[in-house]
N, C-alpha and C. Protein backbone atom coordinates (compact mmCIF):
# COMPACT_ATOMS: atom_id res chain seq x y z
N MET A 1 23.60 5.70 12.92
CA MET A 1 22.55 4.90 13.50
C MET A 1 23.15 3.86 14.44
N GLU A 2 22.52 3.66 15.59
CA GLU A 2 23.04 2.74 16.58
C GLU A 2 22.75 1.30 16.17
N GLU A 3 23.74 0.45 16.45
CA GLU A 3 23.58 -0.96 16.18
C GLU A 3 22.65 -1.57 17.22
N LYS A 4 22.11 -2.74 16.92
CA LYS A 4 21.24 -3.44 17.88
C LYS A 4 22.03 -3.69 19.17
N PHE A 5 21.40 -3.36 20.29
CA PHE A 5 22.08 -3.50 21.57
C PHE A 5 21.20 -4.22 22.58
N GLU A 6 21.79 -5.18 23.26
CA GLU A 6 21.14 -5.86 24.37
C GLU A 6 22.12 -5.87 25.53
N LEU A 7 21.64 -5.49 26.71
CA LEU A 7 22.47 -5.49 27.91
C LEU A 7 22.93 -6.92 28.20
N GLU A 8 24.22 -7.08 28.42
CA GLU A 8 24.77 -8.41 28.72
C GLU A 8 24.21 -8.91 30.06
N THR A 9 23.93 -10.20 30.13
CA THR A 9 23.31 -10.76 31.33
C THR A 9 24.21 -11.77 32.05
N ASN A 10 25.41 -11.98 31.56
CA ASN A 10 26.32 -12.91 32.23
C ASN A 10 27.70 -12.27 32.38
N THR A 11 28.64 -13.02 32.90
CA THR A 11 29.96 -12.46 33.18
C THR A 11 30.93 -12.56 32.01
N VAL A 12 30.57 -13.27 30.97
CA VAL A 12 31.40 -13.35 29.77
C VAL A 12 30.69 -12.58 28.67
N TRP A 13 31.32 -11.50 28.25
CA TRP A 13 30.70 -10.64 27.23
C TRP A 13 31.36 -10.91 25.88
N SER A 14 30.53 -11.15 24.88
CA SER A 14 31.02 -11.39 23.53
C SER A 14 30.17 -10.58 22.57
N PHE A 15 30.83 -9.86 21.68
CA PHE A 15 30.12 -8.99 20.76
C PHE A 15 30.44 -9.39 19.32
N PRO A 16 29.44 -9.37 18.43
CA PRO A 16 29.66 -9.80 17.05
C PRO A 16 30.59 -8.87 16.28
N ASN A 17 30.67 -7.62 16.70
CA ASN A 17 31.59 -6.67 16.06
C ASN A 17 31.98 -5.62 17.07
N ARG A 18 32.84 -4.73 16.69
CA ARG A 18 33.41 -3.73 17.59
C ARG A 18 32.43 -2.66 18.01
N GLY A 19 31.52 -2.25 17.12
CA GLY A 19 30.57 -1.17 17.40
C GLY A 19 31.00 0.12 16.74
N LYS A 20 30.16 0.64 15.83
CA LYS A 20 30.53 1.83 15.06
C LYS A 20 29.43 2.89 15.05
N TRP A 21 28.60 2.98 16.09
CA TRP A 21 27.56 4.00 16.10
C TRP A 21 28.13 5.34 16.58
N ALA A 22 27.33 6.38 16.39
CA ALA A 22 27.72 7.75 16.76
C ALA A 22 29.09 8.06 16.15
N THR A 23 30.03 8.50 16.96
CA THR A 23 31.35 8.84 16.44
C THR A 23 32.40 7.80 16.84
N HIS A 24 31.98 6.62 17.25
CA HIS A 24 32.93 5.57 17.63
C HIS A 24 33.70 5.06 16.41
N ASP A 25 34.96 4.78 16.61
CA ASP A 25 35.78 4.14 15.59
C ASP A 25 36.96 3.46 16.28
N ALA A 26 37.77 2.77 15.51
CA ALA A 26 38.92 2.04 16.06
C ALA A 26 40.23 2.76 15.76
N LYS A 27 40.17 4.03 15.42
CA LYS A 27 41.38 4.76 15.02
C LYS A 27 42.36 4.98 16.18
N TYR A 28 41.84 5.16 17.40
CA TYR A 28 42.72 5.38 18.55
C TYR A 28 43.21 4.02 19.02
N ARG A 29 44.49 3.78 18.86
CA ARG A 29 45.05 2.46 19.13
C ARG A 29 44.81 2.04 20.58
N GLY A 30 44.29 0.83 20.76
CA GLY A 30 44.10 0.28 22.09
C GLY A 30 42.78 0.66 22.75
N ASN A 31 41.92 1.41 22.03
CA ASN A 31 40.64 1.76 22.69
C ASN A 31 39.74 0.53 22.79
N PHE A 32 38.76 0.61 23.66
CA PHE A 32 37.91 -0.56 23.87
C PHE A 32 36.56 -0.40 23.19
N SER A 33 35.87 -1.52 23.02
CA SER A 33 34.60 -1.54 22.31
C SER A 33 33.56 -0.70 23.04
N PRO A 34 32.78 0.09 22.30
CA PRO A 34 31.71 0.85 22.95
C PRO A 34 30.66 -0.05 23.60
N TYR A 35 30.56 -1.30 23.14
CA TYR A 35 29.64 -2.23 23.79
C TYR A 35 30.01 -2.43 25.27
N VAL A 36 31.30 -2.47 25.56
CA VAL A 36 31.76 -2.64 26.94
C VAL A 36 31.37 -1.42 27.77
N ALA A 37 31.72 -0.23 27.28
CA ALA A 37 31.39 1.00 28.01
C ALA A 37 29.88 1.13 28.21
N LYS A 38 29.12 0.86 27.17
CA LYS A 38 27.66 1.00 27.27
C LYS A 38 27.08 0.04 28.30
N ASN A 39 27.53 -1.20 28.30
CA ASN A 39 27.06 -2.17 29.29
C ASN A 39 27.37 -1.72 30.72
N ILE A 40 28.57 -1.25 30.94
CA ILE A 40 28.97 -0.80 32.28
C ILE A 40 28.13 0.41 32.69
N ILE A 41 28.00 1.37 31.81
CA ILE A 41 27.26 2.60 32.12
C ILE A 41 25.80 2.32 32.41
N LEU A 42 25.15 1.52 31.58
CA LEU A 42 23.73 1.23 31.78
C LEU A 42 23.48 0.35 33.01
N ARG A 43 24.39 -0.54 33.30
CA ARG A 43 24.20 -1.46 34.42
C ARG A 43 24.50 -0.79 35.77
N TYR A 44 25.50 0.08 35.81
CA TYR A 44 25.99 0.57 37.10
C TYR A 44 25.77 2.06 37.37
N SER A 45 24.99 2.73 36.52
CA SER A 45 24.68 4.14 36.78
C SER A 45 23.26 4.44 36.31
N LYS A 46 22.79 5.62 36.70
CA LYS A 46 21.44 6.07 36.33
C LYS A 46 21.55 7.38 35.55
N SER A 47 20.46 7.77 34.92
CA SER A 47 20.41 9.04 34.21
C SER A 47 20.89 10.16 35.12
N ASN A 48 21.68 11.05 34.55
CA ASN A 48 22.24 12.23 35.22
C ASN A 48 23.30 11.93 36.27
N ASP A 49 23.67 10.67 36.47
CA ASP A 49 24.80 10.37 37.35
C ASP A 49 26.08 10.94 36.75
N ILE A 50 27.11 11.06 37.59
CA ILE A 50 28.42 11.52 37.13
C ILE A 50 29.32 10.31 36.93
N VAL A 51 29.84 10.17 35.71
CA VAL A 51 30.74 9.08 35.35
C VAL A 51 32.13 9.67 35.11
N LEU A 52 33.14 9.04 35.67
CA LEU A 52 34.53 9.47 35.49
C LEU A 52 35.28 8.47 34.62
N ASP A 53 36.03 9.01 33.66
CA ASP A 53 37.02 8.22 32.92
C ASP A 53 38.30 9.03 32.92
N GLN A 54 39.30 8.57 33.67
CA GLN A 54 40.55 9.32 33.79
C GLN A 54 41.63 8.87 32.81
N PHE A 55 41.24 8.03 31.84
CA PHE A 55 42.12 7.64 30.73
C PHE A 55 41.26 7.69 29.46
N ILE A 56 40.85 8.88 29.01
CA ILE A 56 39.82 8.97 27.97
C ILE A 56 40.26 8.45 26.62
N GLY A 57 41.54 8.50 26.31
CA GLY A 57 42.00 7.97 25.03
C GLY A 57 41.19 8.48 23.86
N GLY A 58 40.49 7.59 23.18
CA GLY A 58 39.68 7.96 22.02
C GLY A 58 38.26 8.40 22.34
N GLY A 59 37.91 8.49 23.62
CA GLY A 59 36.62 9.06 24.01
C GLY A 59 35.45 8.10 24.15
N THR A 60 35.69 6.81 24.08
CA THR A 60 34.60 5.82 24.09
C THR A 60 33.62 6.01 25.25
N THR A 61 34.13 6.09 26.47
CA THR A 61 33.25 6.21 27.64
C THR A 61 32.43 7.49 27.59
N LEU A 62 33.06 8.60 27.23
CA LEU A 62 32.34 9.88 27.22
C LEU A 62 31.29 9.94 26.12
N ILE A 63 31.55 9.34 24.98
CA ILE A 63 30.54 9.27 23.92
C ILE A 63 29.32 8.51 24.43
N GLU A 64 29.56 7.39 25.10
CA GLU A 64 28.44 6.60 25.64
C GLU A 64 27.70 7.35 26.74
N CYS A 65 28.41 8.13 27.53
CA CYS A 65 27.74 8.97 28.55
C CYS A 65 26.82 9.97 27.87
N LYS A 66 27.31 10.62 26.83
CA LYS A 66 26.49 11.60 26.12
C LYS A 66 25.24 10.95 25.52
N LEU A 67 25.40 9.77 24.93
CA LEU A 67 24.28 9.07 24.30
C LEU A 67 23.28 8.51 25.30
N ASN A 68 23.73 8.28 26.54
CA ASN A 68 22.90 7.60 27.53
C ASN A 68 22.55 8.45 28.75
N ASN A 69 22.55 9.77 28.55
CA ASN A 69 22.05 10.71 29.56
C ASN A 69 22.81 10.66 30.88
N ARG A 70 24.15 10.59 30.78
CA ARG A 70 25.01 10.66 31.96
C ARG A 70 25.87 11.91 31.87
N ASN A 71 26.14 12.51 33.01
CA ASN A 71 27.15 13.56 33.08
C ASN A 71 28.50 12.86 33.15
N ALA A 72 29.55 13.52 32.70
CA ALA A 72 30.84 12.83 32.68
C ALA A 72 31.98 13.80 32.89
N ILE A 73 33.04 13.25 33.48
CA ILE A 73 34.32 13.94 33.59
C ILE A 73 35.33 13.04 32.91
N GLY A 74 35.98 13.57 31.89
CA GLY A 74 37.00 12.82 31.18
C GLY A 74 38.34 13.50 31.31
N ILE A 75 39.35 12.73 31.66
CA ILE A 75 40.69 13.27 31.89
C ILE A 75 41.69 12.40 31.13
N ASP A 76 42.71 13.04 30.60
CA ASP A 76 43.83 12.31 30.03
C ASP A 76 45.07 13.16 30.17
N ILE A 77 46.20 12.51 30.31
CA ILE A 77 47.47 13.21 30.44
C ILE A 77 48.02 13.65 29.07
N ASN A 78 47.43 13.09 28.02
CA ASN A 78 47.89 13.35 26.66
C ASN A 78 47.00 14.41 25.99
N PRO A 79 47.55 15.58 25.65
CA PRO A 79 46.74 16.62 25.00
C PRO A 79 46.08 16.14 23.71
N SER A 80 46.72 15.23 22.99
CA SER A 80 46.15 14.70 21.76
C SER A 80 44.86 13.93 22.04
N ALA A 81 44.85 13.12 23.10
CA ALA A 81 43.64 12.38 23.48
C ALA A 81 42.52 13.33 23.87
N VAL A 82 42.86 14.40 24.57
CA VAL A 82 41.87 15.40 24.96
C VAL A 82 41.23 16.02 23.72
N GLU A 83 42.04 16.39 22.74
CA GLU A 83 41.51 17.02 21.52
C GLU A 83 40.69 16.03 20.69
N ILE A 84 41.16 14.80 20.58
CA ILE A 84 40.40 13.77 19.85
C ILE A 84 39.03 13.57 20.48
N THR A 85 39.00 13.46 21.80
CA THR A 85 37.73 13.25 22.51
C THR A 85 36.80 14.44 22.34
N LYS A 86 37.33 15.65 22.47
CA LYS A 86 36.50 16.84 22.28
C LYS A 86 35.86 16.84 20.89
N SER A 87 36.64 16.49 19.88
CA SER A 87 36.09 16.49 18.51
C SER A 87 35.04 15.39 18.34
N LYS A 88 35.24 14.24 18.98
CA LYS A 88 34.26 13.15 18.87
C LYS A 88 32.97 13.44 19.62
N LEU A 89 33.02 14.33 20.59
CA LEU A 89 31.82 14.71 21.34
C LEU A 89 31.01 15.79 20.64
N ASP A 90 31.51 16.25 19.51
CA ASP A 90 30.84 17.33 18.77
C ASP A 90 29.76 16.75 17.85
N PHE A 91 28.69 16.24 18.46
CA PHE A 91 27.54 15.75 17.71
C PHE A 91 26.29 16.03 18.53
N ASN A 92 25.16 16.07 17.85
CA ASN A 92 23.89 16.33 18.53
C ASN A 92 23.24 15.02 18.96
N CYS A 93 22.61 15.07 20.12
CA CYS A 93 21.80 13.94 20.57
C CYS A 93 20.67 14.49 21.43
N GLU A 94 19.78 13.62 21.84
CA GLU A 94 18.57 14.07 22.54
C GLU A 94 18.83 14.59 23.95
N PHE A 95 19.99 14.30 24.53
CA PHE A 95 20.29 14.72 25.89
C PHE A 95 21.24 15.91 25.89
N ASN A 96 21.21 16.68 26.95
CA ASN A 96 22.08 17.84 27.08
C ASN A 96 22.79 17.77 28.43
N ASN A 97 23.60 16.75 28.61
CA ASN A 97 24.29 16.56 29.87
C ASN A 97 25.61 17.32 29.91
N ASP A 98 26.17 17.42 31.10
CA ASP A 98 27.44 18.11 31.32
C ASP A 98 28.58 17.12 31.11
N ILE A 99 29.30 17.29 30.02
CA ILE A 99 30.43 16.43 29.70
C ILE A 99 31.68 17.30 29.72
N LYS A 100 32.56 17.07 30.70
CA LYS A 100 33.79 17.84 30.84
C LYS A 100 34.96 17.01 30.35
N VAL A 101 35.85 17.64 29.58
CA VAL A 101 37.05 16.98 29.09
C VAL A 101 38.24 17.84 29.50
N GLU A 102 39.16 17.25 30.25
CA GLU A 102 40.27 18.02 30.82
C GLU A 102 41.60 17.30 30.65
N LEU A 103 42.65 18.10 30.55
CA LEU A 103 44.01 17.58 30.60
C LEU A 103 44.35 17.38 32.07
N GLY A 104 44.85 16.21 32.43
CA GLY A 104 45.18 15.96 33.83
C GLY A 104 45.83 14.61 34.03
N ASN A 105 46.16 14.33 35.28
CA ASN A 105 46.89 13.12 35.64
C ASN A 105 46.00 12.22 36.51
N ALA A 106 45.79 11.00 36.09
CA ALA A 106 44.94 10.06 36.82
C ALA A 106 45.47 9.75 38.22
N CYS A 107 46.74 9.99 38.45
CA CYS A 107 47.33 9.76 39.77
C CYS A 107 47.03 10.90 40.74
N ASP A 108 46.50 12.00 40.23
CA ASP A 108 46.20 13.17 41.07
C ASP A 108 44.99 13.90 40.50
N LEU A 109 43.81 13.51 40.94
CA LEU A 109 42.56 14.08 40.44
C LEU A 109 42.17 15.29 41.29
N LYS A 110 43.08 16.25 41.36
CA LYS A 110 42.93 17.39 42.28
C LYS A 110 41.70 18.25 42.02
N ASN A 111 41.15 18.22 40.83
CA ASN A 111 39.98 19.04 40.51
C ASN A 111 38.65 18.33 40.79
N ILE A 112 38.72 17.13 41.35
CA ILE A 112 37.50 16.37 41.63
C ILE A 112 37.36 16.21 43.15
N GLN A 113 36.21 16.58 43.65
CA GLN A 113 35.96 16.52 45.09
C GLN A 113 35.81 15.09 45.58
N ASN A 114 36.07 14.90 46.85
CA ASN A 114 35.87 13.60 47.50
C ASN A 114 34.42 13.15 47.33
N GLU A 115 34.25 11.87 47.10
CA GLU A 115 32.92 11.24 47.03
C GLU A 115 31.93 12.03 46.18
N SER A 116 32.35 12.37 44.96
CA SER A 116 31.49 13.15 44.07
C SER A 116 31.12 12.42 42.78
N VAL A 117 31.65 11.22 42.58
CA VAL A 117 31.47 10.47 41.33
C VAL A 117 30.60 9.24 41.59
N ASP A 118 29.66 8.98 40.67
CA ASP A 118 28.74 7.84 40.81
C ASP A 118 29.27 6.56 40.18
N LEU A 119 30.09 6.68 39.16
CA LEU A 119 30.64 5.51 38.47
C LEU A 119 31.98 5.89 37.87
N ILE A 120 32.93 4.99 37.98
CA ILE A 120 34.19 5.12 37.25
C ILE A 120 34.20 4.02 36.20
N CYS A 121 34.39 4.42 34.95
CA CYS A 121 34.48 3.48 33.84
C CYS A 121 35.71 3.89 33.04
N THR A 122 36.78 3.14 33.19
CA THR A 122 38.04 3.58 32.61
C THR A 122 38.84 2.41 32.05
N HIS A 123 39.75 2.73 31.17
CA HIS A 123 40.53 1.73 30.44
C HIS A 123 41.97 2.21 30.38
N PRO A 124 42.75 1.98 31.46
CA PRO A 124 44.12 2.48 31.49
C PRO A 124 45.04 1.72 30.53
N PRO A 125 46.21 2.29 30.27
CA PRO A 125 47.19 1.56 29.45
C PRO A 125 47.64 0.30 30.19
N TYR A 126 48.14 -0.64 29.44
CA TYR A 126 48.65 -1.89 30.02
C TYR A 126 50.17 -1.75 30.15
N ALA A 127 50.59 -1.01 31.15
CA ALA A 127 52.01 -0.72 31.35
C ALA A 127 52.58 -0.13 30.06
N ASP A 128 53.71 -0.61 29.60
CA ASP A 128 54.37 -0.02 28.43
C ASP A 128 54.13 -0.81 27.14
N ILE A 129 53.02 -1.53 27.06
CA ILE A 129 52.72 -2.35 25.88
C ILE A 129 52.46 -1.47 24.66
N ILE A 130 51.62 -0.44 24.82
CA ILE A 130 51.37 0.54 23.76
C ILE A 130 51.71 1.91 24.33
N LYS A 131 52.59 2.62 23.67
CA LYS A 131 52.94 3.98 24.12
C LYS A 131 51.95 4.97 23.50
N TYR A 132 51.33 5.78 24.37
CA TYR A 132 50.31 6.72 23.91
C TYR A 132 50.83 8.14 23.73
N SER A 133 52.07 8.39 24.09
CA SER A 133 52.67 9.71 23.89
C SER A 133 54.17 9.54 23.70
N GLU A 134 54.79 10.59 23.22
CA GLU A 134 56.24 10.54 22.99
C GLU A 134 57.04 11.09 24.17
N ASP A 135 56.58 12.18 24.74
CA ASP A 135 57.44 12.91 25.68
C ASP A 135 56.73 13.36 26.96
N ILE A 136 55.75 12.60 27.42
CA ILE A 136 55.05 12.94 28.65
C ILE A 136 55.51 11.94 29.72
N ASP A 137 56.40 12.39 30.60
CA ASP A 137 57.00 11.50 31.58
C ASP A 137 55.99 10.80 32.48
N GLU A 138 54.91 11.50 32.85
CA GLU A 138 53.92 10.93 33.77
C GLU A 138 52.95 9.96 33.09
N ASP A 139 53.04 9.82 31.78
CA ASP A 139 52.17 8.91 31.04
C ASP A 139 52.46 7.48 31.47
N LEU A 140 51.44 6.80 32.01
CA LEU A 140 51.62 5.43 32.51
C LEU A 140 52.07 4.47 31.42
N SER A 141 51.82 4.80 30.16
CA SER A 141 52.22 3.91 29.07
C SER A 141 53.73 3.92 28.84
N HIS A 142 54.46 4.75 29.56
CA HIS A 142 55.93 4.76 29.47
C HIS A 142 56.58 3.95 30.58
N LEU A 143 55.79 3.48 31.54
CA LEU A 143 56.35 2.84 32.73
C LEU A 143 56.56 1.34 32.54
N LYS A 144 57.70 0.88 33.02
CA LYS A 144 57.94 -0.56 33.09
C LYS A 144 56.97 -1.16 34.10
N TYR A 145 56.78 -2.45 34.05
CA TYR A 145 55.72 -3.11 34.81
C TYR A 145 55.73 -2.78 36.31
N LYS A 146 56.88 -2.87 36.97
CA LYS A 146 56.93 -2.61 38.42
C LYS A 146 56.57 -1.16 38.73
N ASP A 147 57.06 -0.22 37.95
CA ASP A 147 56.72 1.19 38.16
C ASP A 147 55.25 1.44 37.83
N PHE A 148 54.75 0.74 36.83
CA PHE A 148 53.34 0.85 36.48
C PHE A 148 52.46 0.42 37.66
N LEU A 149 52.82 -0.65 38.33
CA LEU A 149 52.04 -1.12 39.48
C LEU A 149 52.00 -0.08 40.59
N VAL A 150 53.10 0.62 40.83
CA VAL A 150 53.13 1.69 41.83
C VAL A 150 52.19 2.82 41.40
N ALA A 151 52.25 3.19 40.13
CA ALA A 151 51.40 4.28 39.63
C ALA A 151 49.92 3.89 39.64
N ILE A 152 49.61 2.66 39.26
CA ILE A 152 48.21 2.25 39.21
C ILE A 152 47.63 2.15 40.63
N GLU A 153 48.48 1.93 41.62
CA GLU A 153 48.02 1.97 43.01
C GLU A 153 47.60 3.40 43.38
N LYS A 154 48.34 4.40 42.89
CA LYS A 154 47.94 5.80 43.11
C LYS A 154 46.62 6.10 42.41
N VAL A 155 46.46 5.56 41.22
CA VAL A 155 45.19 5.72 40.48
C VAL A 155 44.05 5.12 41.30
N ALA A 156 44.26 3.91 41.82
CA ALA A 156 43.22 3.25 42.62
C ALA A 156 42.87 4.06 43.86
N SER A 157 43.87 4.64 44.49
CA SER A 157 43.64 5.46 45.67
C SER A 157 42.79 6.68 45.33
N GLU A 158 43.07 7.31 44.20
CA GLU A 158 42.27 8.45 43.75
C GLU A 158 40.85 8.03 43.38
N CYS A 159 40.72 6.86 42.78
CA CYS A 159 39.38 6.33 42.48
C CYS A 159 38.58 6.19 43.77
N TYR A 160 39.19 5.61 44.77
CA TYR A 160 38.51 5.41 46.05
C TYR A 160 38.11 6.76 46.67
N ARG A 161 38.98 7.75 46.56
CA ARG A 161 38.71 9.06 47.15
C ARG A 161 37.53 9.75 46.49
N VAL A 162 37.44 9.72 45.17
CA VAL A 162 36.40 10.49 44.46
C VAL A 162 35.08 9.74 44.31
N LEU A 163 35.09 8.43 44.45
CA LEU A 163 33.88 7.63 44.25
C LEU A 163 32.97 7.71 45.47
N LYS A 164 31.68 7.92 45.23
CA LYS A 164 30.70 7.93 46.32
C LYS A 164 30.63 6.54 46.96
N LYS A 165 30.27 6.52 48.22
CA LYS A 165 30.12 5.26 48.95
C LYS A 165 29.05 4.39 48.28
N ASP A 166 29.32 3.10 48.20
CA ASP A 166 28.40 2.11 47.64
C ASP A 166 28.15 2.29 46.14
N LYS A 167 29.07 2.94 45.44
CA LYS A 167 28.98 3.08 43.99
C LYS A 167 30.02 2.16 43.35
N PHE A 168 30.16 2.22 42.03
CA PHE A 168 30.94 1.22 41.31
C PHE A 168 32.13 1.81 40.55
N CYS A 169 33.18 0.99 40.48
CA CYS A 169 34.38 1.33 39.73
C CYS A 169 34.69 0.17 38.79
N ALA A 170 34.70 0.44 37.48
CA ALA A 170 35.02 -0.57 36.48
C ALA A 170 36.32 -0.17 35.79
N ILE A 171 37.36 -0.95 36.02
CA ILE A 171 38.64 -0.72 35.37
C ILE A 171 38.84 -1.85 34.38
N VAL A 172 38.82 -1.52 33.11
CA VAL A 172 38.92 -2.52 32.04
C VAL A 172 40.39 -2.71 31.71
N MET A 173 40.90 -3.92 31.97
CA MET A 173 42.30 -4.24 31.68
C MET A 173 42.38 -5.66 31.14
N GLY A 174 43.26 -5.82 30.20
CA GLY A 174 43.50 -7.15 29.67
C GLY A 174 44.83 -7.67 30.15
N ASP A 175 45.17 -8.85 29.70
CA ASP A 175 46.48 -9.40 30.02
C ASP A 175 47.55 -8.58 29.32
N THR A 176 48.71 -8.49 29.95
CA THR A 176 49.84 -7.86 29.27
C THR A 176 50.70 -8.96 28.67
N ARG A 177 51.11 -8.73 27.45
CA ARG A 177 51.95 -9.70 26.75
C ARG A 177 53.21 -8.98 26.28
N LYS A 178 54.34 -9.60 26.54
CA LYS A 178 55.59 -9.03 26.08
C LYS A 178 56.54 -10.18 25.76
N ASN A 179 57.12 -10.14 24.59
CA ASN A 179 58.04 -11.18 24.15
C ASN A 179 57.41 -12.57 24.24
N GLY A 180 56.12 -12.65 23.89
CA GLY A 180 55.42 -13.91 23.88
C GLY A 180 54.97 -14.41 25.24
N MET A 181 55.21 -13.65 26.28
CA MET A 181 54.84 -14.05 27.64
C MET A 181 53.64 -13.24 28.12
N VAL A 182 52.76 -13.89 28.91
CA VAL A 182 51.60 -13.21 29.49
C VAL A 182 51.95 -12.77 30.89
C-alpha cells in the first residue's frame, strides 16, 4: 500500500521516512528515496512520457514510472543492478507502460535516439565514495574525482543529445565526503 503522498511545493524537500510502497526498499546501497523520484516524475513529465534513468541501481525511478503511468528506459553498467531492477518491476499495477531495462554505459547511450526522451531522472554514483561493482572498469564508482568529472561530462553530453528540446533533466547528487572533507 502506498504511503500518503503530497507533491512538494518548495525547493527544500523533507520526508518523514524513506518510503516503502510497492517494491521499494533500502537494500541497494546508496539508492535514493522514492519520494524524490516520484516528485520529479509527477512534476516534470506527463502520462505516457518516456523517462530515462541511466544509473538504475535498485530501480527506484523505474518503479515510480511503472506506478505513475510513464514509459521508461533504465540502463546500468552493472549486471547485478539490471537483475535487481527487473525483479523489482515484477508486480502488477493499473498501468501497462513500456519499461525497458538494459545493460549499458551512461557515457554512450547508443541505443537511444536523439531527442527521444521527455525526462531524465537519475542518481549517479558520487565518484568513488561507494563502489557498486568489483570488476567493471567503466563503472563510474571506480573513478577518482578528477576522472569522474571527465566521465560525468560525457554523461551530461549524452543527456543533452537524447533529451527532447524544452524538457527536463534531474540529476540527483549529494556532496561527496572523503576523509572527513566535503
